Amino acid sequence: MTDDAAVPELRASDADREQVAEVLRDALAEGRLDMEEFEERLEATYKARTYGELTPITRDLPVGQVTPPPAVSLTKEPVAGGSWAGRIVGGEGSSTWAVAVMSGFERKGRWTVPKQFTCVTLMGGGELDLREANFADREVEINCVAIMGGVNIIVPPGVEVVVRGIGIMGGFDHRESGVPGEPGAPRVIVNGFAFWGGVGIERKLTREERRRLKEERRQGKLDRRTSMRELQEDYREDMHDAHRRMLDGHRDLLRDRHEERRERHEDRRERHRERREERHRRHYGDQ
């Protein structure tokens, strides 16, 4: 097989599928596709695994009026650290089911969520923590059956959650349903049945993110304290300078007053001396 023939078999990334999906949305808005065609092609886009499967989806769709649709890059660029594309890894997943009968189960840390995960709780409980998990597909489905028990699902910020479960004398948590996801983030569909039980959904930060935010807040407090300390020191220095200037002014005032008193005393002595000399001249002049 030649290199050219092998290129369409290269695995497409989530960013590649999002690029094609954006072309489909534009085509729907411009009236080039009806809703049924759009849904069929969008479903095919998210199911596509290779460039060869993506290319025919937009082959007859121009962007705008004359510009052809953007071609899918056949050169794989390194995935940016921390991006969602790096967490959609494909494969079968670490595990596909969990059962808790009068007991419990837990999935957390670095594990891979399969395309479909089924969990059952009977008078028990379980927790699925997706904050540090990878995903086998951009869209994963978690089927929960909770009978007199419960399941708690923790998702990270940015992940879109769709809740479709049915509850009888129980319920599914819809608070996080409908929150828009970040571009390229996976979609988690929560389905199933709850009887005298419940399925809760929480959106939490990872421990590392909480630690980072805590460190930022702590550093902010330290910076504010340092600023307040510097302001207080500046205030004390200003007060010290003002007090010193006041004392200097007071000393200058006392010095001036002392000088004035000394000059007045000298004036009185001079006038007294002149009067004494005047009396002396008159006394001896008359004789």
Foldseek 3Di string as FASTA:
>chain_A
DDPVVCLQVDFDFLVLLVLLLVLLVQCCVVVVDDPVLSVVLNVQSQVDTGNNSSVVSQVPGAHDDPHRRDRRDSDDDDDDPPDLRVQQDADAWPDAEEEAECEEEEDDDETEAGQHHEYEYHCYEYEYECQHYGYNGLEHEYEYEAELYEYEYEYEAQEAEAEDEDEDCEEEDCPRHPDHHDVSHGYYYYYYYHYNYYYHYHYDHDPVVVVVVVVVVVVVVVVVVVVVVVVVVVVVVVVVVVVVVVVVVVVVVVVVVVVVVVVVVVVVVVVVVVVVVVVVCVVVVVD
